[in-house]
């Protein structure tokens, strides 16, 4: 798929994360990666490698086994990374559901 802007890709990205469990696993993966990055100078440089591996593993697991789609990272790695950070920030501030509604996406309700 060809996207002309990050905002256009964002709408697609949100649609690829329609299930709450997918978004939560992404949030957890991003949180772990950020914590590893922050702790690496104090603990070990290995955390610089471990953080992204855990982060992407959680995100990709959510796509393959929860959402049932292919990670957008495969086709658009930079934009996917930027959108993941945006989604993380919106979830951290409690504004992601509002953004889903703004874009007209209907989240799939499920327990997680």
N, C-alpha and C. Protein backbone atom coordinates (compact mmCIF):
# COMPACT_ATOMS: atom_id res chain seq x y z
N UNK A 1 0.84 -1.18 0.00
CA UNK A 1 0.00 0.00 0.00
C UNK A 1 0.88 1.24 0.00
N UNK A 2 0.45 2.23 -0.72
CA UNK A 2 1.18 3.49 -0.78
C UNK A 2 0.44 4.54 0.02
N UNK A 3 1.17 5.22 0.87
CA UNK A 3 0.60 6.28 1.69
C UNK A 3 1.34 7.57 1.37
N UNK A 4 0.57 8.66 1.28
CA UNK A 4 1.17 9.94 0.92
C UNK A 4 1.67 10.73 2.12
N UNK A 5 1.21 10.37 3.32
CA UNK A 5 1.62 11.12 4.50
C UNK A 5 1.55 10.22 5.73
N UNK A 6 2.17 10.68 6.79
CA UNK A 6 2.13 9.96 8.05
C UNK A 6 0.71 9.93 8.61
N UNK A 7 -0.03 11.01 8.43
CA UNK A 7 -1.43 11.03 8.90
C UNK A 7 -2.29 10.00 8.17
N UNK A 8 -2.05 9.85 6.89
CA UNK A 8 -2.78 8.84 6.11
C UNK A 8 -2.40 7.44 6.60
N UNK A 9 -1.12 7.23 6.88
CA UNK A 9 -0.68 5.94 7.40
C UNK A 9 -1.25 5.70 8.79
N UNK A 10 -1.34 6.75 9.61
CA UNK A 10 -1.87 6.64 10.97
C UNK A 10 -3.27 6.03 10.96
N UNK A 11 -4.12 6.48 10.05
CA UNK A 11 -5.48 5.94 9.97
C UNK A 11 -5.44 4.44 9.67
N UNK A 12 -4.56 4.04 8.76
CA UNK A 12 -4.38 2.62 8.45
C UNK A 12 -3.85 1.88 9.68
N UNK A 13 -2.87 2.45 10.35
CA UNK A 13 -2.23 1.84 11.51
C UNK A 13 -3.25 1.58 12.62
N UNK A 14 -4.08 2.54 12.88
CA UNK A 14 -5.10 2.37 13.92
C UNK A 14 -6.04 1.23 13.55
N UNK A 15 -6.40 1.14 12.28
CA UNK A 15 -7.25 0.04 11.82
C UNK A 15 -6.62 -1.32 11.99
N UNK A 16 -5.29 -1.37 11.90
CA UNK A 16 -4.56 -2.63 12.08
C UNK A 16 -4.43 -3.02 13.55
N UNK A 17 -4.88 -2.15 14.44
CA UNK A 17 -4.81 -2.38 15.89
C UNK A 17 -6.21 -2.23 16.49
N UNK A 18 -7.17 -2.92 15.91
CA UNK A 18 -8.57 -2.74 16.30
C UNK A 18 -8.93 -3.41 17.62
N UNK A 19 -8.18 -4.42 18.00
CA UNK A 19 -8.49 -5.13 19.24
C UNK A 19 -7.70 -4.54 20.41
N UNK A 20 -8.39 -4.42 21.53
CA UNK A 20 -7.75 -3.84 22.72
C UNK A 20 -6.53 -4.65 23.15
N UNK A 21 -6.58 -5.96 23.02
CA UNK A 21 -5.45 -6.80 23.42
C UNK A 21 -4.22 -6.51 22.55
N UNK A 22 -4.42 -6.24 21.29
CA UNK A 22 -3.32 -5.89 20.40
C UNK A 22 -2.67 -4.60 20.86
N UNK A 23 -3.49 -3.60 21.13
CA UNK A 23 -2.96 -2.32 21.59
C UNK A 23 -2.25 -2.46 22.93
N UNK A 24 -2.78 -3.27 23.81
CA UNK A 24 -2.15 -3.45 25.13
C UNK A 24 -0.80 -4.17 25.03
N UNK A 25 -0.73 -5.16 24.16
CA UNK A 25 0.55 -5.85 23.97
C UNK A 25 1.58 -4.92 23.33
N UNK A 26 1.14 -4.06 22.42
CA UNK A 26 2.04 -3.06 21.85
C UNK A 26 2.52 -2.10 22.95
N UNK A 27 1.60 -1.66 23.78
CA UNK A 27 1.95 -0.76 24.86
C UNK A 27 2.99 -1.40 25.77
N UNK A 28 2.75 -2.64 26.14
CA UNK A 28 3.69 -3.36 27.01
C UNK A 28 5.05 -3.51 26.34
N UNK A 29 5.06 -3.87 25.07
CA UNK A 29 6.32 -4.02 24.34
C UNK A 29 7.08 -2.71 24.25
N UNK A 30 6.40 -1.63 23.98
CA UNK A 30 7.05 -0.32 23.91
C UNK A 30 7.57 0.09 25.28
N UNK A 31 6.79 -0.16 26.32
CA UNK A 31 7.21 0.17 27.68
C UNK A 31 8.47 -0.61 28.05
N UNK A 32 8.49 -1.90 27.78
CA UNK A 32 9.67 -2.73 28.08
C UNK A 32 10.89 -2.21 27.31
N UNK A 33 10.71 -1.89 26.03
CA UNK A 33 11.82 -1.40 25.22
C UNK A 33 12.35 -0.07 25.76
N UNK A 34 11.47 0.82 26.15
CA UNK A 34 11.89 2.11 26.70
C UNK A 34 12.60 1.93 28.04
N UNK A 35 12.07 1.06 28.88
CA UNK A 35 12.71 0.81 30.17
C UNK A 35 14.10 0.19 29.99
N UNK A 36 14.23 -0.72 29.04
CA UNK A 36 15.54 -1.31 28.76
C UNK A 36 16.52 -0.24 28.27
N UNK A 37 16.04 0.65 27.43
CA UNK A 37 16.89 1.73 26.93
C UNK A 37 17.36 2.62 28.07
N UNK A 38 16.44 2.98 28.96
CA UNK A 38 16.78 3.85 30.08
C UNK A 38 17.69 3.17 31.10
N UNK A 39 17.49 1.89 31.31
CA UNK A 39 18.26 1.16 32.33
C UNK A 39 19.59 0.64 31.82
N UNK A 40 19.79 0.62 30.52
CA UNK A 40 21.00 0.02 29.96
C UNK A 40 22.30 0.65 30.49
N UNK A 41 22.40 1.97 30.68
CA UNK A 41 23.66 2.50 31.21
C UNK A 41 23.96 2.02 32.64
N UNK A 42 22.91 1.73 33.39
CA UNK A 42 23.09 1.31 34.78
C UNK A 42 23.25 -0.20 34.94
N UNK A 43 22.65 -0.96 34.05
CA UNK A 43 22.61 -2.41 34.21
C UNK A 43 23.55 -3.12 33.24
N UNK A 44 23.28 -2.99 31.96
CA UNK A 44 24.08 -3.68 30.95
C UNK A 44 23.76 -3.15 29.56
N UNK A 45 24.76 -3.11 28.73
CA UNK A 45 24.55 -2.70 27.33
C UNK A 45 23.67 -3.71 26.59
N UNK A 46 23.62 -4.92 27.08
CA UNK A 46 22.80 -5.95 26.44
C UNK A 46 21.33 -5.54 26.40
N UNK A 47 20.91 -4.71 27.33
CA UNK A 47 19.51 -4.27 27.33
C UNK A 47 19.16 -3.48 26.08
N UNK A 48 20.17 -2.88 25.44
CA UNK A 48 19.92 -2.17 24.19
C UNK A 48 19.50 -3.12 23.08
N UNK A 49 19.90 -4.35 23.18
CA UNK A 49 19.50 -5.39 22.22
C UNK A 49 18.24 -6.10 22.68
N UNK A 50 18.17 -6.39 23.96
CA UNK A 50 17.04 -7.16 24.52
C UNK A 50 15.73 -6.37 24.43
N UNK A 51 15.79 -5.07 24.71
CA UNK A 51 14.58 -4.25 24.71
C UNK A 51 13.79 -4.31 23.41
N UNK A 52 14.43 -3.98 22.28
CA UNK A 52 13.69 -4.04 21.01
C UNK A 52 13.23 -5.46 20.65
N UNK A 53 14.02 -6.46 21.01
CA UNK A 53 13.61 -7.84 20.71
C UNK A 53 12.31 -8.18 21.45
N UNK A 54 12.27 -7.87 22.73
CA UNK A 54 11.05 -8.13 23.51
C UNK A 54 9.89 -7.28 22.99
N UNK A 55 10.18 -6.00 22.72
CA UNK A 55 9.13 -5.11 22.23
C UNK A 55 8.50 -5.59 20.93
N UNK A 56 9.35 -5.93 19.97
CA UNK A 56 8.82 -6.41 18.70
C UNK A 56 8.18 -7.78 18.83
N UNK A 57 8.72 -8.63 19.69
CA UNK A 57 8.11 -9.95 19.88
C UNK A 57 6.68 -9.83 20.40
N UNK A 58 6.45 -8.96 21.36
CA UNK A 58 5.09 -8.77 21.88
C UNK A 58 4.18 -8.18 20.81
N UNK A 59 4.69 -7.20 20.08
CA UNK A 59 3.87 -6.56 19.04
C UNK A 59 3.53 -7.55 17.92
N UNK A 60 4.52 -8.28 17.46
CA UNK A 60 4.28 -9.22 16.36
C UNK A 60 3.39 -10.38 16.81
N UNK A 61 3.57 -10.83 18.03
CA UNK A 61 2.68 -11.87 18.56
C UNK A 61 1.23 -11.37 18.51
N UNK A 62 1.02 -10.12 18.91
CA UNK A 62 -0.35 -9.59 18.93
C UNK A 62 -0.95 -9.54 17.52
N UNK A 63 -0.12 -9.28 16.53
CA UNK A 63 -0.66 -9.24 15.16
C UNK A 63 -0.97 -10.63 14.65
N UNK A 64 -0.06 -11.56 14.84
CA UNK A 64 -0.26 -12.91 14.29
C UNK A 64 -1.32 -13.71 15.04
N UNK A 65 -1.38 -13.58 16.37
CA UNK A 65 -2.24 -14.46 17.16
C UNK A 65 -3.45 -13.78 17.79
N UNK A 66 -3.47 -12.47 17.86
CA UNK A 66 -4.62 -11.75 18.43
C UNK A 66 -5.40 -11.05 17.32
N UNK A 67 -4.72 -10.21 16.58
CA UNK A 67 -5.37 -9.39 15.56
C UNK A 67 -5.62 -10.18 14.27
N UNK A 68 -4.73 -11.12 13.96
CA UNK A 68 -4.88 -11.92 12.75
C UNK A 68 -4.49 -11.18 11.48
N UNK A 69 -3.47 -10.32 11.57
CA UNK A 69 -2.99 -9.62 10.39
C UNK A 69 -1.47 -9.57 10.39
N UNK A 70 -0.91 -8.95 9.39
CA UNK A 70 0.54 -8.84 9.27
C UNK A 70 0.99 -7.51 9.85
N UNK A 71 2.06 -7.49 10.62
CA UNK A 71 2.54 -6.23 11.18
C UNK A 71 2.87 -5.21 10.08
N UNK A 72 2.44 -3.98 10.30
CA UNK A 72 2.72 -2.91 9.34
C UNK A 72 4.21 -2.61 9.26
N UNK A 73 4.95 -3.02 10.26
CA UNK A 73 6.40 -2.82 10.29
C UNK A 73 7.08 -3.46 9.09
N UNK A 74 6.53 -4.55 8.59
CA UNK A 74 7.16 -5.24 7.47
C UNK A 74 7.20 -4.38 6.21
N UNK A 75 6.18 -3.57 6.00
CA UNK A 75 6.12 -2.74 4.81
C UNK A 75 6.53 -1.30 5.01
N UNK A 76 6.37 -0.81 6.23
CA UNK A 76 6.63 0.60 6.53
C UNK A 76 7.28 0.73 7.91
N UNK A 77 8.55 0.32 8.04
CA UNK A 77 9.17 0.26 9.36
C UNK A 77 9.26 1.59 10.10
N UNK A 78 9.66 2.66 9.42
CA UNK A 78 9.81 3.94 10.11
C UNK A 78 8.46 4.51 10.53
N UNK A 79 7.51 4.51 9.61
CA UNK A 79 6.19 5.05 9.94
C UNK A 79 5.52 4.21 11.02
N UNK A 80 5.71 2.91 10.98
CA UNK A 80 5.15 2.04 12.02
C UNK A 80 5.74 2.36 13.39
N UNK A 81 7.05 2.58 13.42
CA UNK A 81 7.71 2.93 14.67
C UNK A 81 7.16 4.25 15.22
N UNK A 82 7.04 5.25 14.36
CA UNK A 82 6.51 6.55 14.79
C UNK A 82 5.06 6.44 15.26
N UNK A 83 4.26 5.65 14.56
CA UNK A 83 2.86 5.47 14.95
C UNK A 83 2.75 4.68 16.25
N UNK A 84 3.66 3.74 16.46
CA UNK A 84 3.66 3.00 17.72
C UNK A 84 3.93 3.94 18.89
N UNK A 85 4.88 4.85 18.71
CA UNK A 85 5.15 5.82 19.77
C UNK A 85 3.95 6.74 19.99
N UNK A 86 3.29 7.12 18.91
CA UNK A 86 2.09 7.96 19.03
C UNK A 86 0.99 7.22 19.78
N UNK A 87 0.77 5.95 19.41
CA UNK A 87 -0.25 5.15 20.09
C UNK A 87 0.11 4.97 21.56
N UNK A 88 1.38 4.74 21.85
CA UNK A 88 1.84 4.60 23.22
C UNK A 88 1.50 5.87 24.02
N UNK A 89 1.82 7.02 23.45
CA UNK A 89 1.52 8.28 24.12
C UNK A 89 0.04 8.50 24.34
N UNK A 90 -0.76 8.18 23.34
CA UNK A 90 -2.22 8.33 23.47
C UNK A 90 -2.78 7.37 24.52
N UNK A 91 -2.25 6.15 24.57
CA UNK A 91 -2.71 5.20 25.58
C UNK A 91 -2.26 5.64 26.97
N UNK A 92 -1.05 6.15 27.07
CA UNK A 92 -0.52 6.60 28.35
C UNK A 92 -1.36 7.74 28.93
N UNK A 93 -1.88 8.58 28.06
CA UNK A 93 -2.69 9.72 28.50
C UNK A 93 -4.19 9.45 28.46
N UNK A 94 -4.57 8.23 28.10
CA UNK A 94 -5.98 7.86 28.08
C UNK A 94 -6.77 8.45 26.93
N UNK A 95 -6.10 8.79 25.83
CA UNK A 95 -6.80 9.41 24.70
C UNK A 95 -6.90 8.52 23.46
N UNK A 96 -6.48 7.26 23.56
CA UNK A 96 -6.51 6.40 22.38
C UNK A 96 -7.92 6.07 21.94
N UNK A 97 -8.81 5.78 22.87
CA UNK A 97 -10.19 5.46 22.49
C UNK A 97 -10.85 6.63 21.76
N UNK A 98 -10.55 7.84 22.20
CA UNK A 98 -11.08 9.03 21.53
C UNK A 98 -10.55 9.13 20.10
N UNK A 99 -9.26 8.78 19.93
CA UNK A 99 -8.66 8.81 18.60
C UNK A 99 -9.28 7.74 17.70
N UNK A 100 -9.57 6.58 18.24
CA UNK A 100 -10.22 5.53 17.46
C UNK A 100 -11.58 6.02 16.98
N UNK A 101 -12.32 6.64 17.86
CA UNK A 101 -13.63 7.17 17.49
C UNK A 101 -13.50 8.29 16.46
N UNK A 102 -12.50 9.15 16.62
CA UNK A 102 -12.29 10.25 15.68
C UNK A 102 -12.05 9.73 14.27
N UNK A 103 -11.31 8.63 14.18
CA UNK A 103 -11.00 8.05 12.87
C UNK A 103 -12.12 7.16 12.34
N UNK A 104 -13.15 6.95 13.16
CA UNK A 104 -14.27 6.13 12.72
C UNK A 104 -14.02 4.65 12.80
N UNK A 105 -13.01 4.26 13.56
CA UNK A 105 -12.72 2.83 13.73
C UNK A 105 -13.53 2.31 14.89
N UNK A 106 -14.05 1.14 14.75
CA UNK A 106 -14.82 0.53 15.83
C UNK A 106 -14.00 -0.56 16.47
N UNK A 107 -13.55 -0.33 17.71
CA UNK A 107 -12.75 -1.35 18.36
C UNK A 107 -13.56 -2.60 18.65
N UNK A 108 -12.89 -3.72 18.57
CA UNK A 108 -13.51 -4.99 18.90
C UNK A 108 -13.41 -5.16 20.41
N UNK A 109 -14.54 -5.35 21.08
CA UNK A 109 -14.54 -5.50 22.52
C UNK A 109 -14.14 -6.92 22.90
N UNK A 110 -13.25 -7.00 23.85
CA UNK A 110 -12.82 -8.30 24.34
C UNK A 110 -12.19 -8.11 25.71
N UNK A 111 -12.15 -9.18 26.45
CA UNK A 111 -11.54 -9.12 27.78
C UNK A 111 -10.05 -9.39 27.67
N UNK A 112 -9.25 -8.51 28.29
CA UNK A 112 -7.80 -8.71 28.40
C UNK A 112 -7.28 -7.73 29.40
